[in-house]
Amino acid sequence: MTDWLPRDIIAPASEAEHGAVKTAQRALGLAETGELDGPTRAHLRGVQRLFGAEPTGVLDRPTAALIERLRHIYREPE
């Protein structure tokens, strides 16, 4: 479920979009800046490559779904 992503984000323009970027950064183990900075885009491209998607570095719904798959696979045991 990607309810945390309000729209495809090339550059966050609202508080909700900055929050969505922070959610992705947290899931990817990055500093939570809320900006689509170089390291964040590089990690997004890495996730996209890992799953055979086009490596755009954009936080879009398909990429958010891939991040959710990773979160599910690697979440800490309860």
PDB file of N, CA and C in Angstrom:
ATOM      1  N   MET A   1       0.852  -1.171   0.000  1.00  0.00           N
ATOM      2  CA  MET A   1       0.000   0.000   0.000  1.00  0.00           C
ATOM      3  C   MET A   1       0.899   1.237   0.000  1.00  0.00           C
ATOM      4  N   THR A   2       0.624   2.162  -0.854  1.00  0.00           N
ATOM      5  CA  THR A   2       1.447   3.367  -0.965  1.00  0.00           C
ATOM      6  C   THR A   2       0.640   4.626  -0.651  1.00  0.00           C
ATOM      7  N   ASP A   3      -0.186   4.555   0.369  1.00  0.00           N
ATOM      8  CA  ASP A   3      -1.002   5.707   0.760  1.00  0.00           C
ATOM      9  C   ASP A   3      -0.158   6.910   1.168  1.00  0.00           C
ATOM     10  N   TRP A   4       1.089   6.674   1.509  1.00  0.00           N
ATOM     11  CA  TRP A   4       1.956   7.756   1.962  1.00  0.00           C
ATOM     12  C   TRP A   4       2.455   8.626   0.812  1.00  0.00           C
ATOM     13  N   LEU A   5       2.216   8.229  -0.444  1.00  0.00           N
ATOM     14  CA  LEU A   5       2.691   8.997  -1.592  1.00  0.00           C
ATOM     15  C   LEU A   5       1.527   9.765  -2.221  1.00  0.00           C
ATOM     16  N   PRO A   6       1.507  11.104  -2.083  1.00  0.00           N
ATOM     17  CA  PRO A   6       0.373  11.874  -2.596  1.00  0.00           C
ATOM     18  C   PRO A   6       0.322  11.953  -4.121  1.00  0.00           C
ATOM     19  N   ARG A   7       1.475  11.924  -4.782  1.00  0.00           N
ATOM     20  CA  ARG A   7       1.559  11.962  -6.242  1.00  0.00           C
ATOM     21  C   ARG A   7       2.984  11.595  -6.623  1.00  0.00           C
ATOM     22  N   ASP A   8       3.246  11.398  -7.917  1.00  0.00           N
ATOM     23  CA  ASP A   8       4.621  11.195  -8.359  1.00  0.00           C
ATOM     24  C   ASP A   8       5.414  12.460  -8.029  1.00  0.00           C
ATOM     25  N   ILE A   9       6.604  12.271  -7.448  1.00  0.00           N
ATOM     26  CA  ILE A   9       7.374  13.424  -6.979  1.00  0.00           C
ATOM     27  C   ILE A   9       8.704  13.512  -7.718  1.00  0.00           C
ATOM     28  N   ILE A  10       8.864  14.594  -8.458  1.00  0.00           N
ATOM     29  CA  ILE A  10      10.142  14.911  -9.086  1.00  0.00           C
ATOM     30  C   ILE A  10      10.890  15.885  -8.189  1.00  0.00           C
ATOM     31  N   ALA A  11      10.155  16.848  -7.641  1.00  0.00           N
ATOM     32  CA  ALA A  11      10.677  17.800  -6.661  1.00  0.00           C
ATOM     33  C   ALA A  11       9.548  18.082  -5.674  1.00  0.00           C
ATOM     34  N   PRO A  12       9.741  17.753  -4.391  1.00  0.00           N
ATOM     35  CA  PRO A  12       8.663  17.959  -3.419  1.00  0.00           C
ATOM     36  C   PRO A  12       8.278  19.433  -3.298  1.00  0.00           C
ATOM     37  N   ALA A  13       6.960  19.689  -3.351  1.00  0.00           N
ATOM     38  CA  ALA A  13       6.473  21.067  -3.335  1.00  0.00           C
ATOM     39  C   ALA A  13       5.552  21.362  -2.161  1.00  0.00           C
ATOM     40  N   SER A  14       5.182  20.351  -1.405  1.00  0.00           N
ATOM     41  CA  SER A  14       4.279  20.574  -0.279  1.00  0.00           C
ATOM     42  C   SER A  14       4.790  19.808   0.937  1.00  0.00           C
ATOM     43  N   GLU A  15       4.193  20.102   2.070  1.00  0.00           N
ATOM     44  CA  GLU A  15       4.568  19.402   3.296  1.00  0.00           C
ATOM     45  C   GLU A  15       4.315  17.900   3.162  1.00  0.00           C
ATOM     46  N   ALA A  16       3.196  17.526   2.538  1.00  0.00           N
ATOM     47  CA  ALA A  16       2.870  16.108   2.348  1.00  0.00           C
ATOM     48  C   ALA A  16       3.905  15.423   1.456  1.00  0.00           C
ATOM     49  N   GLU A  17       4.365  16.120   0.438  1.00  0.00           N
ATOM     50  CA  GLU A  17       5.363  15.537  -0.458  1.00  0.00           C
ATOM     51  C   GLU A  17       6.714  15.406   0.230  1.00  0.00           C
ATOM     52  N   HIS A  18       7.092  16.403   1.034  1.00  0.00           N
ATOM     53  CA  HIS A  18       8.336  16.287   1.811  1.00  0.00           C
ATOM     54  C   HIS A  18       8.220  15.102   2.783  1.00  0.00           C
ATOM     55  N   GLY A  19       7.042  14.925   3.363  1.00  0.00           N
ATOM     56  CA  GLY A  19       6.818  13.793   4.261  1.00  0.00           C
ATOM     57  C   GLY A  19       6.929  12.465   3.544  1.00  0.00           C
ATOM     58  N   ALA A  20       6.430  12.398   2.318  1.00  0.00           N
ATOM     59  CA  ALA A  20       6.530  11.162   1.537  1.00  0.00           C
ATOM     60  C   ALA A  20       7.988  10.850   1.215  1.00  0.00           C
ATOM     61  N   VAL A  21       8.754  11.876   0.880  1.00  0.00           N
ATOM     62  CA  VAL A  21      10.181  11.669   0.603  1.00  0.00           C
ATOM     63  C   VAL A  21      10.874  11.178   1.868  1.00  0.00           C
ATOM     64  N   LYS A  22      10.517  11.749   3.019  1.00  0.00           N
ATOM     65  CA  LYS A  22      11.109  11.287   4.286  1.00  0.00           C
ATOM     66  C   LYS A  22      10.753   9.828   4.564  1.00  0.00           C
ATOM     67  N   THR A  23       9.543   9.425   4.242  1.00  0.00           N
ATOM     68  CA  THR A  23       9.144   8.028   4.427  1.00  0.00           C
ATOM     69  C   THR A  23      10.017   7.118   3.574  1.00  0.00           C
ATOM     70  N   ALA A  24      10.226   7.504   2.327  1.00  0.00           N
ATOM     71  CA  ALA A  24      11.094   6.709   1.438  1.00  0.00           C
ATOM     72  C   ALA A  24      12.523   6.702   1.960  1.00  0.00           C
ATOM     73  N   GLN A  25      13.018   7.853   2.392  1.00  0.00           N
ATOM     74  CA  GLN A  25      14.382   7.923   2.918  1.00  0.00           C
ATOM     75  C   GLN A  25      14.551   7.037   4.142  1.00  0.00           C
ATOM     76  N   ARG A  26      13.564   7.046   5.024  1.00  0.00           N
ATOM     77  CA  ARG A  26      13.615   6.205   6.216  1.00  0.00           C
ATOM     78  C   ARG A  26      13.690   4.735   5.821  1.00  0.00           C
ATOM     79  N   ALA A  27      12.866   4.341   4.866  1.00  0.00           N
ATOM     80  CA  ALA A  27      12.836   2.947   4.414  1.00  0.00           C
ATOM     81  C   ALA A  27      14.151   2.544   3.756  1.00  0.00           C
ATOM     82  N   LEU A  28      14.832   3.509   3.144  1.00  0.00           N
ATOM     83  CA  LEU A  28      16.086   3.223   2.450  1.00  0.00           C
ATOM     84  C   LEU A  28      17.314   3.440   3.330  1.00  0.00           C
ATOM     85  N   GLY A  29      17.091   3.805   4.594  1.00  0.00           N
ATOM     86  CA  GLY A  29      18.201   3.987   5.524  1.00  0.00           C
ATOM     87  C   GLY A  29      18.996   5.257   5.294  1.00  0.00           C
ATOM     88  N   LEU A  30      18.333   6.283   4.754  1.00  0.00           N
ATOM     89  CA  LEU A  30      18.997   7.549   4.460  1.00  0.00           C
ATOM     90  C   LEU A  30      18.632   8.608   5.495  1.00  0.00           C
ATOM     91  N   ALA A  31      19.406   9.684   5.495  1.00  0.00           N
ATOM     92  CA  ALA A  31      19.055  10.838   6.320  1.00  0.00           C
ATOM     93  C   ALA A  31      17.715  11.385   5.841  1.00  0.00           C
ATOM     94  N   GLU A  32      16.833  11.699   6.771  1.00  0.00           N
ATOM     95  CA  GLU A  32      15.488  12.162   6.430  1.00  0.00           C
ATOM     96  C   GLU A  32      15.469  13.676   6.228  1.00  0.00           C
ATOM     97  N   THR A  33      15.817  14.097   5.017  1.00  0.00           N
ATOM     98  CA  THR A  33      15.853  15.519   4.696  1.00  0.00           C
ATOM     99  C   THR A  33      14.545  16.005   4.086  1.00  0.00           C
ATOM    100  N   GLY A  34      13.776  15.095   3.495  1.00  0.00           N
ATOM    101  CA  GLY A  34      12.553  15.488   2.803  1.00  0.00           C
ATOM    102  C   GLY A  34      12.806  16.032   1.414  1.00  0.00           C
ATOM    103  N   GLU A  35      14.061  16.027   0.989  1.00  0.00           N
ATOM    104  CA  GLU A  35      14.438  16.518  -0.342  1.00  0.00           C
ATOM    105  C   GLU A  35      14.890  15.357  -1.215  1.00  0.00           C
ATOM    106  N   LEU A  36      14.628  15.456  -2.498  1.00  0.00           N
ATOM    107  CA  LEU A  36      15.127  14.444  -3.433  1.00  0.00           C
ATOM    108  C   LEU A  36      16.554  14.833  -3.833  1.00  0.00           C
ATOM    109  N   ASP A  37      17.460  14.654  -2.876  1.00  0.00           N
ATOM    110  CA  ASP A  37      18.856  14.999  -3.084  1.00  0.00           C
ATOM    111  C   ASP A  37      19.579  13.876  -3.828  1.00  0.00           C
ATOM    112  N   GLY A  38      20.855  14.061  -4.080  1.00  0.00           N
ATOM    113  CA  GLY A  38      21.642  13.088  -4.840  1.00  0.00           C
ATOM    114  C   GLY A  38      21.600  11.683  -4.256  1.00  0.00           C
ATOM    115  N   PRO A  39      21.877  11.526  -2.957  1.00  0.00           N
ATOM    116  CA  PRO A  39      21.838  10.183  -2.382  1.00  0.00           C
ATOM    117  C   PRO A  39      20.451   9.532  -2.467  1.00  0.00           C
ATOM    118  N   THR A  40      19.407  10.326  -2.288  1.00  0.00           N
ATOM    119  CA  THR A  40      18.051   9.772  -2.360  1.00  0.00           C
ATOM    120  C   THR A  40      17.749   9.300  -3.778  1.00  0.00           C
ATOM    121  N   ARG A  41      18.064  10.117  -4.764  1.00  0.00           N
ATOM    122  CA  ARG A  41      17.833   9.720  -6.160  1.00  0.00           C
ATOM    123  C   ARG A  41      18.657   8.488  -6.518  1.00  0.00           C
ATOM    124  N   ALA A  42      19.896   8.429  -6.031  1.00  0.00           N
ATOM    125  CA  ALA A  42      20.748   7.265  -6.313  1.00  0.00           C
ATOM    126  C   ALA A  42      20.140   5.996  -5.717  1.00  0.00           C
ATOM    127  N   HIS A  43      19.633   6.087  -4.494  1.00  0.00           N
ATOM    128  CA  HIS A  43      19.011   4.921  -3.866  1.00  0.00           C
ATOM    129  C   HIS A  43      17.712   4.541  -4.575  1.00  0.00           C
ATOM    130  N   LEU A  44      16.932   5.532  -4.998  1.00  0.00           N
ATOM    131  CA  LEU A  44      15.711   5.220  -5.750  1.00  0.00           C
ATOM    132  C   LEU A  44      16.065   4.497  -7.048  1.00  0.00           C
ATOM    133  N   ARG A  45      17.106   4.963  -7.741  1.00  0.00           N
ATOM    134  CA  ARG A  45      17.541   4.278  -8.968  1.00  0.00           C
ATOM    135  C   ARG A  45      17.997   2.853  -8.655  1.00  0.00           C
ATOM    136  N   GLY A  46      18.674   2.672  -7.529  1.00  0.00           N
ATOM    137  CA  GLY A  46      19.114   1.335  -7.138  1.00  0.00           C
ATOM    138  C   GLY A  46      17.943   0.390  -6.918  1.00  0.00           C
ATOM    139  N   VAL A  47      16.912   0.867  -6.236  1.00  0.00           N
ATOM    140  CA  VAL A  47      15.705   0.056  -6.015  1.00  0.00           C
ATOM    141  C   VAL A  47      15.060  -0.262  -7.358  1.00  0.00           C
ATOM    142  N   GLN A  48      14.971   0.736  -8.217  1.00  0.00           N
ATOM    143  CA  GLN A  48      14.357   0.535  -9.528  1.00  0.00           C
ATOM    144  C   GLN A  48      15.133  -0.511 -10.330  1.00  0.00           C
ATOM    145  N   ARG A  49      16.458  -0.413 -10.327  1.00  0.00           N
ATOM    146  CA  ARG A  49      17.282  -1.408 -11.039  1.00  0.00           C
ATOM    147  C   ARG A  49      17.102  -2.805 -10.441  1.00  0.00           C
ATOM    148  N   LEU A  50      17.096  -2.880  -9.129  1.00  0.00           N
ATOM    149  CA  LEU A  50      16.959  -4.157  -8.438  1.00  0.00           C
ATOM    150  C   LEU A  50      15.737  -4.925  -8.921  1.00  0.00           C
ATOM    151  N   PHE A  51      14.647  -4.218  -9.157  1.00  0.00           N
ATOM    152  CA  PHE A  51      13.408  -4.860  -9.569  1.00  0.00           C
ATOM    153  C   PHE A  51      13.160  -4.789 -11.072  1.00  0.00           C
ATOM    154  N   GLY A  52      14.151  -4.330 -11.842  1.00  0.00           N
ATOM    155  CA  GLY A  52      14.024  -4.320 -13.295  1.00  0.00           C
ATOM    156  C   GLY A  52      13.207  -3.177 -13.857  1.00  0.00           C
ATOM    157  N   ALA A  53      13.004  -2.132 -13.050  1.00  0.00           N
ATOM    158  CA  ALA A  53      12.262  -0.956 -13.521  1.00  0.00           C
ATOM    159  C   ALA A  53      13.250   0.045 -14.136  1.00  0.00           C
ATOM    160  N   GLU A  54      12.725   0.965 -14.915  1.00  0.00           N
ATOM    161  CA  GLU A  54      13.572   2.012 -15.487  1.00  0.00           C
ATOM    162  C   GLU A  54      14.131   2.865 -14.350  1.00  0.00           C
ATOM    163  N   PRO A  55      15.465   3.030 -14.286  1.00  0.00           N
ATOM    164  CA  PRO A  55      16.082   3.779 -13.188  1.00  0.00           C
ATOM    165  C   PRO A  55      15.998   5.290 -13.396  1.00  0.00           C
ATOM    166  N   THR A  56      14.877   5.874 -12.988  1.00  0.00           N
ATOM    167  CA  THR A  56      14.637   7.304 -13.188  1.00  0.00           C
ATOM    168  C   THR A  56      15.066   8.153 -12.003  1.00  0.00           C
ATOM    169  N   GLY A  57      15.078   7.582 -10.802  1.00  0.00           N
ATOM    170  CA  GLY A  57      15.359   8.358  -9.601  1.00  0.00           C
ATOM    171  C   GLY A  57      14.182   9.198  -9.145  1.00  0.00           C
ATOM    172  N   VAL A  58      13.015   8.981  -9.762  1.00  0.00           N
ATOM    173  CA  VAL A  58      11.797   9.699  -9.401  1.00  0.00           C
ATOM    174  C   VAL A  58      11.019   8.853  -8.395  1.00  0.00           C
ATOM    175  N   LEU A  59      10.443   9.503  -7.407  1.00  0.00           N
ATOM    176  CA  LEU A  59       9.601   8.804  -6.439  1.00  0.00           C
ATOM    177  C   LEU A  59       8.174   8.793  -6.985  1.00  0.00           C
ATOM    178  N   ASP A  60       7.850   7.718  -7.694  1.00  0.00           N
ATOM    179  CA  ASP A  60       6.510   7.577  -8.279  1.00  0.00           C
ATOM    180  C   ASP A  60       5.818   6.381  -7.636  1.00  0.00           C
ATOM    181  N   ARG A  61       4.569   6.159  -8.005  1.00  0.00           N
ATOM    182  CA  ARG A  61       3.805   5.063  -7.384  1.00  0.00           C
ATOM    183  C   ARG A  61       4.458   3.691  -7.602  1.00  0.00           C
ATOM    184  N   PRO A  62       4.924   3.363  -8.818  1.00  0.00           N
ATOM    185  CA  PRO A  62       5.580   2.058  -8.966  1.00  0.00           C
ATOM    186  C   PRO A  62       6.807   1.911  -8.068  1.00  0.00           C
ATOM    187  N   THR A  63       7.592   2.978  -7.929  1.00  0.00           N
ATOM    188  CA  THR A  63       8.780   2.920  -7.072  1.00  0.00           C
ATOM    189  C   THR A  63       8.380   2.820  -5.607  1.00  0.00           C
ATOM    190  N   ALA A  64       7.344   3.546  -5.204  1.00  0.00           N
ATOM    191  CA  ALA A  64       6.857   3.444  -3.830  1.00  0.00           C
ATOM    192  C   ALA A  64       6.405   2.016  -3.534  1.00  0.00           C
ATOM    193  N   ALA A  65       5.777   1.365  -4.503  1.00  0.00           N
ATOM    194  CA  ALA A  65       5.352  -0.029  -4.311  1.00  0.00           C
ATOM    195  C   ALA A  65       6.569  -0.936  -4.146  1.00  0.00           C
ATOM    196  N   LEU A  66       7.641  -0.667  -4.885  1.00  0.00           N
ATOM    197  CA  LEU A  66       8.867  -1.461  -4.736  1.00  0.00           C
ATOM    198  C   LEU A  66       9.482  -1.242  -3.357  1.00  0.00           C
ATOM    199  N   ILE A  67       9.469  -0.004  -2.881  1.00  0.00           N
ATOM    200  CA  ILE A  67       9.981   0.296  -1.541  1.00  0.00           C
ATOM    201  C   ILE A  67       9.152  -0.455  -0.501  1.00  0.00           C
ATOM    202  N   GLU A  68       7.851  -0.493  -0.690  1.00  0.00           N
ATOM    203  CA  GLU A  68       6.988  -1.244   0.239  1.00  0.00           C
ATOM    204  C   GLU A  68       7.344  -2.728   0.226  1.00  0.00           C
ATOM    205  N   ARG A  69       7.646  -3.270  -0.953  1.00  0.00           N
ATOM    206  CA  ARG A  69       8.066  -4.685  -1.022  1.00  0.00           C
ATOM    207  C   ARG A  69       9.326  -4.894  -0.204  1.00  0.00           C
ATOM    208  N   LEU A  70      10.286  -3.986  -0.338  1.00  0.00           N
ATOM    209  CA  LEU A  70      11.518  -4.101   0.450  1.00  0.00           C
ATOM    210  C   LEU A  70      11.235  -3.983   1.940  1.00  0.00           C
ATOM    211  N   ARG A  71      10.370  -3.050   2.311  1.00  0.00           N
ATOM    212  CA  ARG A  71      10.024  -2.886   3.727  1.00  0.00           C
ATOM    213  C   ARG A  71       9.403  -4.162   4.279  1.00  0.00           C
ATOM    214  N   HIS A  72       8.585  -4.807   3.472  1.00  0.00           N
ATOM    215  CA  HIS A  72       7.938  -6.046   3.893  1.00  0.00           C
ATOM    216  C   HIS A  72       8.968  -7.168   4.041  1.00  0.00           C
ATOM    217  N   ILE A  73       9.889  -7.258   3.092  1.00  0.00           N
ATOM    218  CA  ILE A  73      10.896  -8.324   3.107  1.00  0.00           C
ATOM    219  C   ILE A  73      11.864  -8.141   4.280  1.00  0.00           C
ATOM    220  N   TYR A  74      12.295  -6.902   4.531  1.00  0.00           N
ATOM    221  CA  TYR A  74      13.347  -6.655   5.487  1.00  0.00           C
ATOM    222  C   TYR A  74      12.899  -6.049   6.813  1.00  0.00           C
ATOM    223  N   ARG A  75      11.603  -6.050   7.064  1.00  0.00           N
ATOM    224  CA  ARG A  75      11.152  -5.451   8.336  1.00  0.00           C
ATOM    225  C   ARG A  75      11.665  -6.280   9.513  1.00  0.00           C
ATOM    226  N   GLU A  76      11.825  -5.588  10.606  1.00  0.00           N
ATOM    227  CA  GLU A  76      12.325  -6.250  11.815  1.00  0.00           C
ATOM    228  C   GLU A  76      11.258  -7.181  12.345  1.00  0.00           C
ATOM    229  N   PRO A  77      11.695  -8.328  12.884  1.00  0.00           N
ATOM    230  CA  PRO A  77      10.707  -9.267  13.468  1.00  0.00           C
ATOM    231  C   PRO A  77       9.969  -8.606  14.629  1.00  0.00           C
ATOM    232  N   GLU A  78       8.713  -8.993  14.784  1.00  0.00           N
ATOM    233  CA  GLU A  78       7.894  -8.418  15.852  1.00  0.00           C
ATOM    234  C   GLU A  78       8.096  -9.141  17.154  1.00  0.00           C
TER     235      GLU A  78
END
